[in-house]
Protein backbone atom coordinates (compact mmCIF):
# COMPACT_ATOMS: atom_id res chain seq x y z
CA UNK A 1 45.77 -9.27 193.66
CA UNK A 2 47.30 -5.83 194.13
CA UNK A 3 50.73 -7.42 194.52
CA UNK A 4 50.30 -9.35 191.29
CA UNK A 5 49.21 -6.21 189.42
CA UNK A 6 52.22 -4.26 190.68
CA UNK A 7 54.48 -7.17 189.70
CA UNK A 8 53.07 -7.23 186.15
CA UNK A 9 53.51 -3.46 185.80
CA UNK A 10 57.13 -3.68 187.00
CA UNK A 11 57.87 -6.55 184.63
CA UNK A 12 56.29 -4.68 181.70
CA UNK A 13 58.34 -1.56 182.46
CA UNK A 14 61.48 -3.67 182.64
CA UNK A 15 60.49 -5.35 179.38
CA UNK A 16 60.15 -1.99 177.63
CA UNK A 17 63.54 -0.90 178.95
CA UNK A 18 65.23 -4.11 177.75
CA UNK A 19 63.65 -3.74 174.30
CA UNK A 20 64.92 -0.14 174.11
CA UNK A 21 68.43 -1.32 175.05
CA UNK A 22 68.33 -4.03 172.37
CA UNK A 23 67.16 -1.58 169.71
CA UNK A 24 69.85 0.93 170.68
CA UNK A 25 72.59 -1.73 170.49
CA UNK A 26 71.27 -2.89 167.12
CA UNK A 27 71.28 0.66 165.78
CA UNK A 28 74.88 1.15 166.87
CA UNK A 29 76.02 -2.17 165.42
CA UNK A 30 74.45 -1.54 162.03
CA UNK A 31 76.01 1.92 161.96
CA UNK A 32 79.43 0.32 162.49
CA UNK A 33 79.01 -2.47 159.94
CA UNK A 34 81.39 -2.23 156.96
CA UNK A 35 79.99 -1.65 153.52
CA UNK A 36 77.48 0.77 152.11
CA UNK A 37 73.97 -0.52 151.37
CA UNK A 38 73.44 2.30 148.87
CA UNK A 39 76.02 0.65 146.60
CA UNK A 40 73.36 -1.92 145.76
CA UNK A 41 71.34 0.69 143.87
CA UNK A 42 73.99 3.18 142.82
CA UNK A 43 76.25 2.38 139.87
CA UNK A 44 78.98 4.23 138.00
CA UNK A 45 76.43 6.09 135.85
CA UNK A 46 75.16 8.03 138.86
CA UNK A 47 76.55 11.53 139.24
CA UNK A 48 77.55 12.81 142.71
CA UNK A 49 74.42 14.99 142.79
CA UNK A 50 72.20 12.01 141.99
CA UNK A 51 73.86 9.97 144.76
CA UNK A 52 73.32 12.75 147.28
CA UNK A 53 69.68 13.17 146.26
CA UNK A 54 69.13 9.45 146.69
CA UNK A 55 70.72 9.51 150.16
CA UNK A 56 68.55 12.49 151.08
CA UNK A 57 65.51 10.54 149.94
CA UNK A 58 66.45 7.66 152.24
CA UNK A 59 67.33 9.99 155.12
CA UNK A 60 70.97 8.85 155.23
CA UNK A 61 72.25 12.42 155.29
CA UNK A 62 70.17 13.32 158.34
CA UNK A 63 71.89 13.70 161.71
CA UNK A 64 72.48 10.48 163.63
CA UNK A 65 70.10 11.47 166.40
CA UNK A 66 67.30 12.02 163.88
CA UNK A 67 67.99 8.68 162.21
CA UNK A 68 67.94 7.06 165.66
CA UNK A 69 64.57 8.58 166.62
CA UNK A 70 63.06 7.58 163.28
CA UNK A 71 64.45 4.08 163.72
CA UNK A 72 63.01 3.68 167.25
CA UNK A 73 59.61 4.93 166.10
CA UNK A 74 59.48 2.60 163.11
CA UNK A 75 60.54 -0.41 165.18
CA UNK A 76 57.95 0.36 167.85
CA UNK A 77 55.27 0.50 165.15
CA UNK A 78 56.65 -2.64 163.40
CA UNK A 79 57.23 -0.54 160.30
CA UNK A 80 60.29 -2.32 158.94
CA UNK A 81 60.19 -0.72 155.51
CA UNK A 82 61.05 -2.43 152.22
CA UNK A 83 63.65 -5.10 151.56
CA UNK A 84 66.53 -3.90 149.38
CA UNK A 85 66.71 -7.15 147.41
CA UNK A 86 63.29 -8.77 147.51
CA UNK A 87 61.40 -5.53 146.77
CA UNK A 88 58.69 -6.48 149.24
CA UNK A 89 57.55 -5.23 152.65
CA UNK A 90 59.83 -6.61 155.35
CA UNK A 91 56.83 -7.32 157.61
CA UNK A 92 55.45 -9.76 155.03
CA UNK A 93 58.83 -11.45 154.69
CA UNK A 94 59.14 -11.79 158.47
CA UNK A 95 55.64 -13.24 158.83
CA UNK A 96 56.43 -15.92 156.27
CA UNK A 97 59.86 -16.77 157.74
CA UNK A 98 58.61 -16.90 161.35
CA UNK A 99 55.87 -19.29 160.23
CA UNK A 100 58.44 -21.52 158.53
CA UNK A 101 60.67 -21.55 161.62
CA UNK A 102 57.71 -22.41 163.82
CA UNK A 103 56.86 -25.30 161.49
CA UNK A 104 60.31 -26.71 162.19
CA UNK A 105 60.71 -26.15 165.95
CA UNK A 106 57.16 -26.61 167.33
CA UNK A 107 56.85 -30.35 166.51
CA UNK A 108 60.35 -30.93 167.88
CA UNK A 109 59.51 -28.99 171.06
CA UNK A 110 56.32 -30.95 171.68
CA UNK A 111 58.08 -34.28 171.26
CA UNK A 112 61.04 -33.18 173.41
CA UNK A 113 58.86 -31.90 176.25
CA UNK A 114 56.48 -34.87 176.35
CA UNK A 115 59.08 -37.62 176.00
CA UNK A 116 61.65 -35.76 178.09
CA UNK A 117 59.17 -35.33 180.94
CA UNK A 118 58.22 -39.00 180.95
CA UNK A 119 61.79 -40.30 180.68
CA UNK A 120 63.12 -37.82 183.25
CA UNK A 121 60.39 -38.64 185.76
CA UNK A 122 61.00 -42.38 185.45
CA UNK A 123 64.78 -41.91 185.72
CA UNK A 124 64.39 -39.79 188.87
CA UNK A 125 61.97 -42.24 190.45
CA UNK A 126 64.26 -45.21 189.74
CA UNK A 127 67.37 -43.67 191.21
CA UNK A 128 70.44 -45.90 190.99
CA UNK A 129 68.92 -48.20 188.37
CA UNK A 130 70.55 -49.05 185.06
CA UNK A 131 67.79 -47.10 183.34
CA UNK A 132 68.73 -43.94 185.20
CA UNK A 133 72.45 -44.38 184.59
CA UNK A 134 72.05 -44.99 180.88
CA UNK A 135 69.56 -42.13 180.56
CA UNK A 136 71.86 -39.62 182.25
CA UNK A 137 74.89 -40.74 180.26
CA UNK A 138 73.02 -40.58 176.96
CA UNK A 139 71.50 -37.19 177.79
CA UNK A 140 74.86 -35.68 178.69
CA UNK A 141 76.40 -37.05 175.51
CA UNK A 142 73.63 -35.70 173.28
CA UNK A 143 73.61 -32.35 175.07
CA UNK A 144 77.33 -31.88 174.52
CA UNK A 145 77.23 -32.84 170.83
CA UNK A 146 77.21 -29.72 168.57
CA UNK A 147 73.91 -29.54 166.71
CA UNK A 148 75.58 -28.48 163.45
CA UNK A 149 77.85 -31.56 163.59
CA UNK A 150 74.90 -33.87 164.25
CA UNK A 151 72.98 -32.18 161.44
CA UNK A 152 75.77 -32.69 158.91
CA UNK A 153 76.20 -36.29 160.09
CA UNK A 154 72.56 -37.31 159.70
CA UNK A 155 72.43 -35.48 156.37
CA UNK A 156 75.39 -37.45 155.06
CA UNK A 157 74.07 -40.80 156.32
CA UNK A 158 70.31 -40.68 155.70
CA UNK A 159 70.21 -38.38 152.70
CA UNK A 160 73.41 -38.73 150.68
CA UNK A 161 74.48 -42.29 151.58
CA UNK A 162 71.24 -44.19 152.17
CA UNK A 163 69.04 -41.78 150.19
CA UNK A 164 66.09 -42.42 152.48
CA UNK A 165 65.16 -38.79 153.11
CA UNK A 166 65.37 -35.49 151.17
CA UNK A 167 68.49 -33.38 151.83
CA UNK A 168 66.74 -30.12 152.58
CA UNK A 169 63.91 -27.68 152.08
CA UNK A 170 60.40 -27.71 153.51
CA UNK A 171 58.68 -29.36 150.55
CA UNK A 172 59.71 -30.74 147.20
CA UNK A 173 59.75 -28.53 144.12
CA UNK A 174 56.16 -27.87 143.14
CA UNK A 175 54.87 -28.94 146.55
CA UNK A 176 52.02 -27.31 148.50
CA UNK A 177 52.32 -23.58 149.22
CA UNK A 178 49.47 -22.85 151.64
CA UNK A 179 49.91 -23.25 155.40
CA UNK A 180 47.18 -25.82 155.99
CA UNK A 181 47.90 -27.62 152.72
CA UNK A 182 51.51 -27.97 153.85
CA UNK A 183 50.59 -29.18 157.35
CA UNK A 184 48.51 -32.09 156.06
CA UNK A 185 50.89 -32.98 153.23
CA UNK A 186 53.13 -36.02 153.65
CA UNK A 187 55.90 -34.22 151.76
CA UNK A 188 56.31 -31.64 154.54
CA UNK A 189 56.58 -34.26 157.28
CA UNK A 190 59.14 -36.24 155.29
CA UNK A 191 61.29 -33.11 154.92
CA UNK A 192 60.87 -32.40 158.65
CA UNK A 193 62.26 -35.75 159.82
CA UNK A 194 65.98 -34.92 159.63
CA UNK A 195 65.96 -31.40 161.15
CA UNK A 196 63.35 -32.53 163.66
CA UNK A 197 65.49 -35.50 164.65
CA UNK A 198 68.50 -33.24 165.25
CA UNK A 199 66.45 -30.80 167.32
CA UNK A 200 64.85 -33.51 169.42
CA UNK A 201 68.18 -35.24 170.06
CA UNK A 202 69.45 -32.09 171.75
CA UNK A 203 66.35 -30.42 173.22
CA UNK A 204 65.01 -33.57 174.89
CA UNK A 205 68.05 -33.68 177.16
CA UNK A 206 67.02 -30.55 179.09
CA UNK A 207 63.62 -31.85 180.29
CA UNK A 208 65.13 -35.26 181.06
CA UNK A 209 67.90 -33.92 183.30
CA UNK A 210 65.69 -31.26 184.88
CA UNK A 211 62.81 -33.66 185.67
CA UNK A 212 65.24 -36.22 187.05
CA UNK A 213 66.74 -33.69 189.48
CA UNK A 214 63.34 -32.31 190.43
CA UNK A 215 61.94 -35.80 190.90
CA UNK A 216 64.77 -36.68 193.28
CA UNK A 217 63.80 -33.73 195.47
CA UNK A 218 60.09 -34.53 195.42
CA UNK A 219 60.67 -38.23 196.04
CA UNK A 220 61.51 -37.63 199.69
CA UNK A 221 58.47 -35.43 200.40
CA UNK A 222 56.12 -36.25 203.25
CA UNK A 223 52.97 -36.13 201.13
CA UNK A 224 54.14 -39.23 199.25
CA UNK A 225 54.25 -41.18 202.52
CA UNK A 226 50.68 -40.06 203.19
CA UNK A 227 49.59 -41.28 199.76
CA UNK A 228 51.25 -44.64 200.40
CA UNK A 229 49.51 -44.87 203.77
CA UNK A 230 46.18 -44.35 202.00
CA UNK A 231 46.93 -47.38 199.87
CA UNK A 232 47.33 -45.67 196.49
CA UNK A 233 49.05 -47.78 193.84
CA UNK A 234 52.59 -46.93 192.81
CA UNK A 235 51.52 -45.57 189.43
CA UNK A 236 49.27 -42.93 191.00
CA UNK A 237 51.98 -41.97 193.49
CA UNK A 238 54.44 -41.43 190.63
CA UNK A 239 51.82 -39.30 188.86
CA UNK A 240 51.35 -37.07 191.93
CA UNK A 241 55.12 -36.76 192.37
CA UNK A 242 55.57 -35.83 188.70
CA UNK A 243 52.98 -33.05 188.95
CA UNK A 244 54.94 -31.43 191.78
CA UNK A 245 58.23 -31.94 189.96
CA UNK A 246 56.92 -30.17 186.84
CA UNK A 247 57.09 -26.67 188.33
CA UNK A 248 60.73 -25.90 187.39
CA UNK A 249 60.01 -27.14 183.88
CA UNK A 250 57.60 -24.27 183.18
CA UNK A 251 60.29 -21.60 183.18
CA UNK A 252 62.74 -23.88 181.40
CA UNK A 253 60.31 -24.54 178.53
CA UNK A 254 59.93 -20.81 177.87
CA UNK A 255 63.68 -20.25 177.98
CA UNK A 256 64.31 -23.32 175.82
CA UNK A 257 61.76 -22.17 173.22
CA UNK A 258 63.27 -18.71 173.02
CA UNK A 259 66.82 -19.99 172.71
CA UNK A 260 65.77 -22.58 170.17
CA UNK A 261 63.99 -19.89 168.13
CA UNK A 262 67.25 -17.96 167.98
CA UNK A 263 69.65 -20.89 167.79
CA UNK A 264 68.26 -22.78 164.83
CA UNK A 265 70.22 -20.60 162.37
CA UNK A 266 72.85 -23.24 161.56
CA UNK A 267 70.27 -26.00 161.14
CA UNK A 268 68.22 -23.88 158.76
CA UNK A 269 71.34 -23.33 156.67
CA UNK A 270 72.36 -27.00 156.76
CA UNK A 271 68.90 -28.24 155.79
CA UNK A 272 68.06 -25.29 153.50
CA UNK A 273 65.01 -24.53 155.63
CA UNK A 274 63.56 -21.12 154.65
CA UNK A 275 63.19 -19.79 158.19
CA UNK A 276 64.05 -16.57 159.95
CA UNK A 277 67.58 -17.68 160.89
CA UNK A 278 68.55 -18.47 157.30
CA UNK A 279 66.95 -15.21 156.19
CA UNK A 280 69.03 -13.29 158.75
CA UNK A 281 72.31 -14.73 157.45
CA UNK A 282 71.32 -14.04 153.86
CA UNK A 283 70.30 -10.48 154.69
CA UNK A 284 73.65 -9.79 156.39
CA UNK A 285 75.55 -11.17 153.41
CA UNK A 286 73.51 -8.99 151.04
CA UNK A 287 73.65 -5.88 153.27
CA UNK A 288 69.87 -5.99 153.34
CA UNK A 289 69.71 -3.99 156.57
CA UNK A 290 65.90 -3.70 156.94
CA UNK A 291 65.48 -7.49 156.84
CA UNK A 292 68.43 -8.13 159.16
CA UNK A 293 67.22 -5.60 161.73
CA UNK A 294 63.69 -6.97 161.64
CA UNK A 295 64.90 -10.57 162.05
CA UNK A 296 67.03 -9.71 165.10
CA UNK A 297 64.21 -7.66 166.58
CA UNK A 298 61.64 -10.44 166.15
CA UNK A 299 64.00 -13.01 167.71
CA UNK A 300 64.54 -10.76 170.73
CA UNK A 301 60.82 -10.08 171.14
CA UNK A 302 59.94 -13.78 171.05
CA UNK A 303 62.54 -14.59 173.70
CA UNK A 304 61.46 -11.75 176.00
CA UNK A 305 57.76 -12.51 175.59
CA UNK A 306 58.22 -16.18 176.43
CA UNK A 307 60.22 -15.37 179.55
CA UNK A 308 57.54 -12.90 180.64
CA UNK A 309 54.79 -15.48 180.14
CA UNK A 310 56.81 -18.07 182.06
CA UNK A 311 57.15 -15.73 185.05
CA UNK A 312 53.40 -15.21 185.13
CA UNK A 313 52.54 -18.88 184.68
CA UNK A 314 54.87 -19.96 187.45
CA UNK A 315 52.85 -17.99 189.97
CA UNK A 316 49.58 -19.39 188.63
CA UNK A 317 50.77 -23.00 188.77
CA UNK A 318 52.50 -22.79 192.17
CA UNK A 319 50.23 -21.20 194.81
CA UNK A 320 53.22 -20.80 197.13
CA UNK A 321 54.61 -18.04 194.93
CA UNK A 322 53.67 -14.54 196.17
CA UNK A 323 54.20 -11.15 194.55
CA UNK A 324 54.30 -9.00 197.68
């Protein structure tokens, strides 16, 4: 128990250091970005004195080190300030956009993990079969296909050519606004089909290939021979083998979720999904620095938190893992 506590403390200290590095890099990058965000509010009618007073009010004339310390403090307290364009607290904007992104990726993740685990386990158990060969070939093909290309393709076919599904958005104009009202509405699920299909077509390949490889290693284990000697049916033996093969998937799921949370930017643009990725691109185009900084910060935190949780869960699931 002492070893586990020391491990958690070390990981938390490392986590804080990584977050500080990310914030420092972000501060430097936004300092180097071209353009002046004050030009959004300042027009030709402003005198030089008025412009300077406005910059003093925003703290832009303060020394860089003071701006940096204020920035670190605000980020640590999740005080993102006000959006330049939307005239609303950035924290409220982020909460809404993160929810929308989760509504797109969580169903796709669940389907990818469940189906990918089943298909990968069967493919690994039936090594050399036509099922395994076709599964591996299809998975490699789907994994190598760019998601933005697949997104544009399905949008052209199912939305613009066949007109079976809506081209974008979360709900139709005038649709439900509340979270639970949206979840139970058919309109939301219809809009989710195309982006969800693109996400599943790519994300399902990871669990399939990983479970297949892990299943091939477990398949030759001695405990399976013992189970066969006890007379267990083949289905139960496959179930026991799959449980042991699932261990590498725990870490992969956390990494996959974090990368997917960051990497859905293009799909949100293609399908006009009002998530955090689309908001980040819009904020950068508009020089809305508070929103852009908050979006990048939230993406980094989600990725780091999921990796931290995966490290802890791996030790809980696999008793062979020690922290000494």
